Structure formats: C-alpha cells, structure tokens
PDB file of N, CA and C in Angstrom:
ATOM      1  N   MET A   1     133.291  77.125  98.820  1.00  0.00           N
ATOM      2  CA  MET A   1     132.546  75.948  98.119  1.00  0.00           C
ATOM      3  C   MET A   1     131.508  76.565  97.189  1.00  0.00           C
ATOM      4  N   LYS A   2     131.513  75.994  96.019  1.00  0.00           N
ATOM      5  CA  LYS A   2     130.605  76.406  95.046  1.00  0.00           C
ATOM      6  C   LYS A   2     129.155  76.167  95.393  1.00  0.00           C
ATOM      7  N   LYS A   3     128.315  77.071  94.827  1.00  0.00           N
ATOM      8  CA  LYS A   3     126.960  77.062  95.099  1.00  0.00           C
ATOM      9  C   LYS A   3     126.305  75.801  94.617  1.00  0.00           C
ATOM     10  N   GLU A   4     126.658  75.278  93.555  1.00  0.00           N
ATOM     11  CA  GLU A   4     126.166  74.014  92.997  1.00  0.00           C
ATOM     12  C   GLU A   4     126.594  72.863  93.946  1.00  0.00           C
ATOM     13  N   GLU A   5     127.657  72.878  94.531  1.00  0.00           N
ATOM     14  CA  GLU A   5     127.961  71.871  95.540  1.00  0.00           C
ATOM     15  C   GLU A   5     127.062  71.822  96.749  1.00  0.00           C
ATOM     16  N   ILE A   6     126.863  73.006  97.272  1.00  0.00           N
ATOM     17  CA  ILE A   6     125.930  73.253  98.335  1.00  0.00           C
ATOM     18  C   ILE A   6     124.596  72.689  97.995  1.00  0.00           C
ATOM     19  N   ILE A   7     124.080  73.130  96.900  1.00  0.00           N
ATOM     20  CA  ILE A   7     122.726  72.769  96.399  1.00  0.00           C
ATOM     21  C   ILE A   7     122.580  71.069  96.345  1.00  0.00           C
ATOM     22  N   LEU A   8     123.571  70.595  95.768  1.00  0.00           N
ATOM     23  CA  LEU A   8     123.580  69.074  95.712  1.00  0.00           C
ATOM     24  C   LEU A   8     123.614  68.430  97.110  1.00  0.00           C
ATOM     25  N   ARG A   9     124.455  68.993  98.044  1.00  0.00           N
ATOM     26  CA  ARG A   9     124.219  68.534  99.433  1.00  0.00           C
ATOM     27  C   ARG A   9     122.980  68.835 100.014  1.00  0.00           C
ATOM     28  N   VAL A  10     122.362  69.914  99.857  1.00  0.00           N
ATOM     29  CA  VAL A  10     121.017  70.169 100.424  1.00  0.00           C
ATOM     30  C   VAL A  10     120.072  69.207  99.856  1.00  0.00           C
ATOM     31  N   GLU A  11     120.158  69.028  98.466  1.00  0.00           N
ATOM     32  CA  GLU A  11     119.079  68.009  97.906  1.00  0.00           C
ATOM     33  C   GLU A  11     119.364  66.586  98.539  1.00  0.00           C
ATOM     34  N   SER A  12     120.614  66.281  98.714  1.00  0.00           N
ATOM     35  CA  SER A  12     120.854  64.926  99.313  1.00  0.00           C
ATOM     36  C   SER A  12     120.161  64.765 100.665  1.00  0.00           C
ATOM     37  N   ALA A  13     120.478  65.962 101.578  1.00  0.00           N
ATOM     38  CA  ALA A  13     119.795  65.970 102.812  1.00  0.00           C
ATOM     39  C   ALA A  13     118.265  65.736 102.762  1.00  0.00           C
ATOM     40  N   LEU A  14     117.718  66.569 101.772  1.00  0.00           N
ATOM     41  CA  LEU A  14     116.163  66.590 101.648  1.00  0.00           C
ATOM     42  C   LEU A  14     115.712  65.123 101.136  1.00  0.00           C
ATOM     43  N   ASP A  15     116.675  64.520 100.258  1.00  0.00           N
ATOM     44  CA  ASP A  15     116.183  63.116  99.820  1.00  0.00           C
ATOM     45  C   ASP A  15     116.156  62.169 100.984  1.00  0.00           C
ATOM     46  N   SER A  16     116.790  62.334 102.072  1.00  0.00           N
ATOM     47  CA  SER A  16     116.848  61.531 103.216  1.00  0.00           C
ATOM     48  C   SER A  16     115.441  61.620 103.874  1.00  0.00           C
ATOM     49  N   ILE A  17     114.689  62.726 103.807  1.00  0.00           N
ATOM     50  CA  ILE A  17     113.539  62.821 104.455  1.00  0.00           C
ATOM     51  C   ILE A  17     112.254  62.920 103.467  1.00  0.00           C
ATOM     52  N   ARG A  18     112.449  63.077 102.309  1.00  0.00           N
ATOM     53  CA  ARG A  18     111.555  63.097 101.253  1.00  0.00           C
ATOM     54  C   ARG A  18     110.455  61.865 101.351  1.00  0.00           C
ATOM     55  N   PRO A  19     110.967  60.667 101.596  1.00  0.00           N
ATOM     56  CA  PRO A  19     109.927  59.538 101.535  1.00  0.00           C
ATOM     57  C   PRO A  19     108.765  59.741 102.628  1.00  0.00           C
ATOM     58  N   TYR A  20     109.176  60.425 103.739  1.00  0.00           N
ATOM     59  CA  TYR A  20     108.172  60.702 104.719  1.00  0.00           C
ATOM     60  C   TYR A  20     107.146  61.732 104.321  1.00  0.00           C
ATOM     61  N   LEU A  21     107.650  62.762 103.637  1.00  0.00           N
ATOM     62  CA  LEU A  21     106.762  63.901 103.211  1.00  0.00           C
ATOM     63  C   LEU A  21     105.930  63.353 102.003  1.00  0.00           C
ATOM     64  N   VAL A  22     106.524  62.633 101.036  1.00  0.00           N
ATOM     65  CA  VAL A  22     105.794  62.133 100.029  1.00  0.00           C
ATOM     66  C   VAL A  22     104.694  61.083 100.430  1.00  0.00           C
ATOM     67  N   ALA A  23     104.954  60.263 101.522  1.00  0.00           N
ATOM     68  CA  ALA A  23     103.952  59.367 102.064  1.00  0.00           C
ATOM     69  C   ALA A  23     102.718  60.144 102.502  1.00  0.00           C
ATOM     70  N   ASP A  24     102.924  61.342 102.976  1.00  0.00           N
ATOM     71  CA  ASP A  24     101.684  62.157 103.422  1.00  0.00           C
ATOM     72  C   ASP A  24     101.250  63.126 102.350  1.00  0.00           C
ATOM     73  N   GLY A  25     101.642  62.995 101.035  1.00  0.00           N
ATOM     74  CA  GLY A  25     101.206  63.705  99.966  1.00  0.00           C
ATOM     75  C   GLY A  25     101.841  64.992  99.777  1.00  0.00           C
ATOM     76  N   GLY A  26     103.118  65.196 100.419  1.00  0.00           N
ATOM     77  CA  GLY A  26     103.780  66.483 100.220  1.00  0.00           C
ATOM     78  C   GLY A  26     105.178  66.322  99.676  1.00  0.00           C
ATOM     79  N   ASN A  27     105.885  67.385  99.715  1.00  0.00           N
ATOM     80  CA  ASN A  27     107.265  67.391  99.397  1.00  0.00           C
ATOM     81  C   ASN A  27     107.701  68.821  99.682  1.00  0.00           C
ATOM     82  N   VAL A  28     109.111  68.899  99.367  1.00  0.00           N
ATOM     83  CA  VAL A  28     109.810  70.277  99.594  1.00  0.00           C
ATOM     84  C   VAL A  28     110.617  70.503  98.518  1.00  0.00           C
ATOM     85  N   ARG A  29     110.721  71.819  98.012  1.00  0.00           N
ATOM     86  CA  ARG A  29     111.645  72.180  96.870  1.00  0.00           C
ATOM     87  C   ARG A  29     112.485  73.325  97.199  1.00  0.00           C
ATOM     88  N   VAL A  30     113.726  73.336  96.800  1.00  0.00           N
ATOM     89  CA  VAL A  30     114.663  74.378  96.887  1.00  0.00           C
ATOM     90  C   VAL A  30     114.295  75.488  95.999  1.00  0.00           C
ATOM     91  N   ILE A  31     114.086  76.678  96.459  1.00  0.00           N
ATOM     92  CA  ILE A  31     113.840  77.879  95.660  1.00  0.00           C
ATOM     93  C   ILE A  31     115.278  78.601  95.302  1.00  0.00           C
ATOM     94  N   GLU A  32     116.070  78.817  96.308  1.00  0.00           N
ATOM     95  CA  GLU A  32     117.334  79.314  96.168  1.00  0.00           C
ATOM     96  C   GLU A  32     118.263  79.329  97.142  1.00  0.00           C
ATOM     97  N   ILE A  33     119.613  79.501  97.008  1.00  0.00           N
ATOM     98  CA  ILE A  33     120.492  79.876  98.070  1.00  0.00           C
ATOM     99  C   ILE A  33     121.088  81.074  97.632  1.00  0.00           C
ATOM    100  N   ASP A  34     121.101  82.126  98.361  1.00  0.00           N
ATOM    101  CA  ASP A  34     121.637  83.365  97.972  1.00  0.00           C
ATOM    102  C   ASP A  34     123.162  83.453  98.379  1.00  0.00           C
ATOM    103  N   GLU A  35     123.802  84.554  98.190  1.00  0.00           N
ATOM    104  CA  GLU A  35     125.199  84.792  98.292  1.00  0.00           C
ATOM    105  C   GLU A  35     125.606  84.651  99.772  1.00  0.00           C
ATOM    106  N   ASP A  36     124.652  84.835 100.652  1.00  0.00           N
ATOM    107  CA  ASP A  36     124.902  84.888 102.105  1.00  0.00           C
ATOM    108  C   ASP A  36     124.620  83.387 102.634  1.00  0.00           C
ATOM    109  N   ASN A  37     124.382  82.485 101.850  1.00  0.00           N
ATOM    110  CA  ASN A  37     124.020  81.155 102.299  1.00  0.00           C
ATOM    111  C   ASN A  37     122.742  80.984 103.060  1.00  0.00           C
ATOM    112  N   ILE A  38     121.745  81.789 102.508  1.00  0.00           N
ATOM    113  CA  ILE A  38     120.430  81.615 103.207  1.00  0.00           C
ATOM    114  C   ILE A  38     119.613  80.870 102.134  1.00  0.00           C
ATOM    115  N   LEU A  39     119.137  79.691 102.666  1.00  0.00           N
ATOM    116  CA  LEU A  39     118.353  78.803 101.837  1.00  0.00           C
ATOM    117  C   LEU A  39     116.883  79.039 101.882  1.00  0.00           C
ATOM    118  N   LYS A  40     116.287  79.216 100.751  1.00  0.00           N
ATOM    119  CA  LYS A  40     114.841  79.328 100.739  1.00  0.00           C
ATOM    120  C   LYS A  40     114.138  78.127 100.124  1.00  0.00           C
ATOM    121  N   LEU A  41     113.103  77.566 100.861  1.00  0.00           N
ATOM    122  CA  LEU A  41     112.484  76.359 100.555  1.00  0.00           C
ATOM    123  C   LEU A  41     111.085  76.650 100.278  1.00  0.00           C
ATOM    124  N   GLU A  42     110.342  75.746  99.649  1.00  0.00           N
ATOM    125  CA  GLU A  42     108.915  75.796  99.558  1.00  0.00           C
ATOM    126  C   GLU A  42     108.297  74.456  99.771  1.00  0.00           C
ATOM    127  N   PHE A  43     107.324  74.328 100.619  1.00  0.00           N
ATOM    128  CA  PHE A  43     106.622  73.177 100.888  1.00  0.00           C
ATOM    129  C   PHE A  43     105.560  72.843  99.771  1.00  0.00           C
ATOM    130  N   VAL A  44     105.456  71.891  99.171  1.00  0.00           N
ATOM    131  CA  VAL A  44     104.502  71.739  98.137  1.00  0.00           C
ATOM    132  C   VAL A  44     103.636  70.403  98.421  1.00  0.00           C
ATOM    133  N   GLY A  45     102.405  70.406  97.558  1.00  0.00           N
ATOM    134  CA  GLY A  45     101.444  69.305  97.795  1.00  0.00           C
ATOM    135  C   GLY A  45     100.864  69.592  99.131  1.00  0.00           C
ATOM    136  N   ALA A  46     100.472  68.479  99.921  1.00  0.00           N
ATOM    137  CA  ALA A  46      99.950  68.488 101.281  1.00  0.00           C
ATOM    138  C   ALA A  46     100.662  69.253 102.278  1.00  0.00           C
ATOM    139  N   CYS A  47     101.995  69.373 102.051  1.00  0.00           N
ATOM    140  CA  CYS A  47     102.888  70.077 103.091  1.00  0.00           C
ATOM    141  C   CYS A  47     102.643  71.529 102.996  1.00  0.00           C
ATOM    142  N   GLY A  48     102.177  72.043 101.879  1.00  0.00           N
ATOM    143  CA  GLY A  48     101.964  73.504 101.613  1.00  0.00           C
ATOM    144  C   GLY A  48     100.815  74.124 102.461  1.00  0.00           C
ATOM    145  N   ASN A  49      99.968  73.300 102.976  1.00  0.00           N
ATOM    146  CA  ASN A  49      98.894  73.970 103.890  1.00  0.00           C
ATOM    147  C   ASN A  49      98.591  72.981 105.048  1.00  0.00           C
ATOM    148  N   CYS A  50      99.500  72.258 105.441  1.00  0.00           N
ATOM    149  CA  CYS A  50      99.384  71.367 106.520  1.00  0.00           C
ATOM    150  C   CYS A  50      99.698  72.187 107.912  1.00  0.00           C
ATOM    151  N   PRO A  51      98.829  72.059 108.874  1.00  0.00           N
ATOM    152  CA  PRO A  51      98.983  72.702 110.149  1.00  0.00           C
ATOM    153  C   PRO A  51     100.124  72.178 110.923  1.00  0.00           C
ATOM    154  N   MET A  52     100.655  71.025 110.512  1.00  0.00           N
ATOM    155  CA  MET A  52     101.874  70.411 111.226  1.00  0.00           C
ATOM    156  C   MET A  52     103.141  70.735 110.458  1.00  0.00           C
ATOM    157  N   SER A  53     103.123  71.597 109.419  1.00  0.00           N
ATOM    158  CA  SER A  53     104.273  71.934 108.672  1.00  0.00           C
ATOM    159  C   SER A  53     105.354  72.635 109.402  1.00  0.00           C
ATOM    160  N   THR A  54     105.129  73.398 110.466  1.00  0.00           N
ATOM    161  CA  THR A  54     106.090  74.016 111.343  1.00  0.00           C
ATOM    162  C   THR A  54     106.983  72.886 111.999  1.00  0.00           C
ATOM    163  N   MET A  55     106.315  71.954 112.646  1.00  0.00           N
ATOM    164  CA  MET A  55     106.977  70.959 113.254  1.00  0.00           C
ATOM    165  C   MET A  55     107.667  70.040 112.371  1.00  0.00           C
ATOM    166  N   THR A  56     107.158  69.852 111.150  1.00  0.00           N
ATOM    167  CA  THR A  56     107.837  69.081 110.207  1.00  0.00           C
ATOM    168  C   THR A  56     109.109  69.780 109.687  1.00  0.00           C
ATOM    169  N   PHE A  57     109.073  71.095 109.601  1.00  0.00           N
ATOM    170  CA  PHE A  57     110.141  71.857 109.274  1.00  0.00           C
ATOM    171  C   PHE A  57     111.213  71.787 110.301  1.00  0.00           C
ATOM    172  N   LYS A  58     110.864  72.120 111.566  1.00  0.00           N
ATOM    173  CA  LYS A  58     111.826  72.204 112.651  1.00  0.00           C
ATOM    174  C   LYS A  58     112.458  70.851 112.931  1.00  0.00           C
ATOM    175  N   ALA A  59     111.743  69.779 113.135  1.00  0.00           N
ATOM    176  CA  ALA A  59     112.080  68.352 113.471  1.00  0.00           C
ATOM    177  C   ALA A  59     112.754  67.615 112.275  1.00  0.00           C
ATOM    178  N   GLY A  60     112.372  67.857 111.180  1.00  0.00           N
ATOM    179  CA  GLY A  60     112.789  66.963 110.018  1.00  0.00           C
ATOM    180  C   GLY A  60     113.685  67.746 109.008  1.00  0.00           C
ATOM    181  N   VAL A  61     112.997  68.743 108.347  1.00  0.00           N
ATOM    182  CA  VAL A  61     113.716  69.316 107.170  1.00  0.00           C
ATOM    183  C   VAL A  61     115.045  70.189 107.625  1.00  0.00           C
ATOM    184  N   GLU A  62     114.833  71.099 108.638  1.00  0.00           N
ATOM    185  CA  GLU A  62     115.933  71.891 109.125  1.00  0.00           C
ATOM    186  C   GLU A  62     117.009  71.153 109.715  1.00  0.00           C
ATOM    187  N   GLU A  63     116.601  70.189 110.514  1.00  0.00           N
ATOM    188  CA  GLU A  63     117.519  69.301 111.179  1.00  0.00           C
ATOM    189  C   GLU A  63     118.417  68.487 110.205  1.00  0.00           C
ATOM    190  N   ALA A  64     117.968  67.939 109.179  1.00  0.00           N
ATOM    191  CA  ALA A  64     118.573  67.198 108.136  1.00  0.00           C
ATOM    192  C   ALA A  64     119.432  68.120 107.371  1.00  0.00           C
ATOM    193  N   ILE A  65     118.970  69.243 107.071  1.00  0.00           N
ATOM    194  CA  ILE A  65     119.956  70.137 106.304  1.00  0.00           C
ATOM    195  C   ILE A  65     121.213  70.672 107.111  1.00  0.00           C
ATOM    196  N   LYS A  66     120.802  71.131 108.307  1.00  0.00           N
ATOM    197  CA  LYS A  66     121.831  71.755 109.179  1.00  0.00           C
ATOM    198  C   LYS A  66     122.860  70.645 109.417  1.00  0.00           C
ATOM    199  N   ARG A  67     122.446  69.434 109.673  1.00  0.00           N
ATOM    200  CA  ARG A  67     123.514  68.403 109.905  1.00  0.00           C
ATOM    201  C   ARG A  67     124.396  68.123 108.765  1.00  0.00           C
ATOM    202  N   ALA A  68     123.800  68.132 107.535  1.00  0.00           N
ATOM    203  CA  ALA A  68     124.477  67.811 106.280  1.00  0.00           C
ATOM    204  C   ALA A  68     125.268  68.961 105.618  1.00  0.00           C
ATOM    205  N   VAL A  69     124.824  70.158 105.947  1.00  0.00           N
ATOM    206  CA  VAL A  69     125.170  71.311 105.239  1.00  0.00           C
ATOM    207  C   VAL A  69     125.455  72.453 106.124  1.00  0.00           C
ATOM    208  N   PRO A  70     126.393  72.407 107.022  1.00  0.00           N
ATOM    209  CA  PRO A  70     126.545  73.386 108.102  1.00  0.00           C
ATOM    210  C   PRO A  70     126.887  74.884 107.569  1.00  0.00           C
ATOM    211  N   GLU A  71     127.171  74.907 106.273  1.00  0.00           N
ATOM    212  CA  GLU A  71     127.378  76.326 105.622  1.00  0.00           C
ATOM    213  C   GLU A  71     126.162  77.004 105.469  1.00  0.00           C
ATOM    214  N   ILE A  72     125.045  76.446 105.524  1.00  0.00           N
ATOM    215  CA  ILE A  72     123.761  77.119 105.481  1.00  0.00           C
ATOM    216  C   ILE A  72     123.487  77.859 106.676  1.00  0.00           C
ATOM    217  N   VAL A  73     123.385  79.303 106.637  1.00  0.00           N
ATOM    218  CA  VAL A  73     123.283  80.198 107.758  1.00  0.00           C
ATOM    219  C   VAL A  73     121.887  80.158 108.316  1.00  0.00           C
ATOM    220  N   THR A  74     120.864  80.227 107.373  1.00  0.00           N
ATOM    221  CA  THR A  74     119.420  80.273 107.701  1.00  0.00           C
ATOM    222  C   THR A  74     118.779  79.668 106.790  1.00  0.00           C
ATOM    223  N   ILE A  75     117.471  79.112 107.183  1.00  0.00           N
ATOM    224  CA  ILE A  75     116.649  78.272 106.310  1.00  0.00           C
ATOM    225  C   ILE A  75     115.182  79.046 106.449  1.00  0.00           C
ATOM    226  N   GLU A  76     114.692  79.428 105.258  1.00  0.00           N
ATOM    227  CA  GLU A  76     113.453  80.106 105.193  1.00  0.00           C
ATOM    228  C   GLU A  76     112.453  79.329 104.531  1.00  0.00           C
ATOM    229  N   VAL A  77     111.294  79.024 104.920  1.00  0.00           N
ATOM    230  CA  VAL A  77     110.206  78.385 104.142  1.00  0.00           C
ATOM    231  C   VAL A  77     109.239  79.497 103.657  1.00  0.00           C
ATOM    232  N   VAL A  78     109.127  79.799 102.382  1.00  0.00           N
ATOM    233  CA  VAL A  78     108.394  80.843 101.905  1.00  0.00           C
ATOM    234  C   VAL A  78     106.754  80.646 102.186  1.00  0.00           C
ATOM    235  N   ASN A  79     106.309  79.498 102.417  1.00  0.00           N
ATOM    236  CA  ASN A  79     105.004  79.254 102.558  1.00  0.00           C
ATOM    237  C   ASN A  79     104.612  78.443 103.743  1.00  0.00           C
ATOM    238  N   LEU A  80     105.347  78.646 104.958  1.00  0.00           N
ATOM    239  CA  LEU A  80     105.301  77.881 106.102  1.00  0.00           C
ATOM    240  C   LEU A  80     103.892  78.115 106.719  1.00  0.00           C
ATOM    241  N   THR A  81     103.119  77.125 106.984  1.00  0.00           N
ATOM    242  CA  THR A  81     101.849  77.347 107.607  1.00  0.00           C
ATOM    243  C   THR A  81     102.106  77.167 109.176  1.00  0.00           C
ATOM    244  N   THR A  82     101.445  78.285 109.830  1.00  0.00           N
ATOM    245  CA  THR A  82     101.528  78.376 111.352  1.00  0.00           C
ATOM    246  C   THR A  82     100.111  77.784 111.835  1.00  0.00           C
ATOM    247  N   ALA A  83     100.220  76.871 112.892  1.00  0.00           N
ATOM    248  CA  ALA A  83      99.052  76.344 113.460  1.00  0.00           C
ATOM    249  C   ALA A  83      98.318  77.363 114.338  1.00  0.00           C
TER     250      ALA A  83
END
C-alpha cells in the first residue's frame, strides 16, 4: 500500500476524533510515517501541554488509528505530556 493512501486513512481516522480535540482547544497533526510504518504525531494547541494528553492519546487517538489503519506498527507522539 502506498504511503499516501496510508496517510489519507490516518487523517480520516483523526478526523473522527478531531471535533473532541478542537472543542477543548487542541488538535493533532501527522508529522510523518516512515518506511517501517511508524507514525509520528504532534499534539497542538491545548493538547500540546495538557496533563490528560496521555489518556487522550491512548483512549482516543491511538485507538482510532489502530482500528482504521492496522498497517501502522507504532504511534509516537513527539510532545506527549506525562502527568
């Protein structure tokens, strides 16, 4: 599968949860998907420094992506805030 196709599917999965992130003043952006299908994301806005970002990532972002794009091996958030 082409990288562009995978990115479109990741973006579609993120679009399903973005309204919840935006409602709290945040968002998430795709940085890259490397040749090993490792996805790098960045939380932006309020999500970038929220103490609940780990839970948001695990329960929302990661779950949505893994369900929609099983080809993704690992998901890393470059600026994940730990509580």
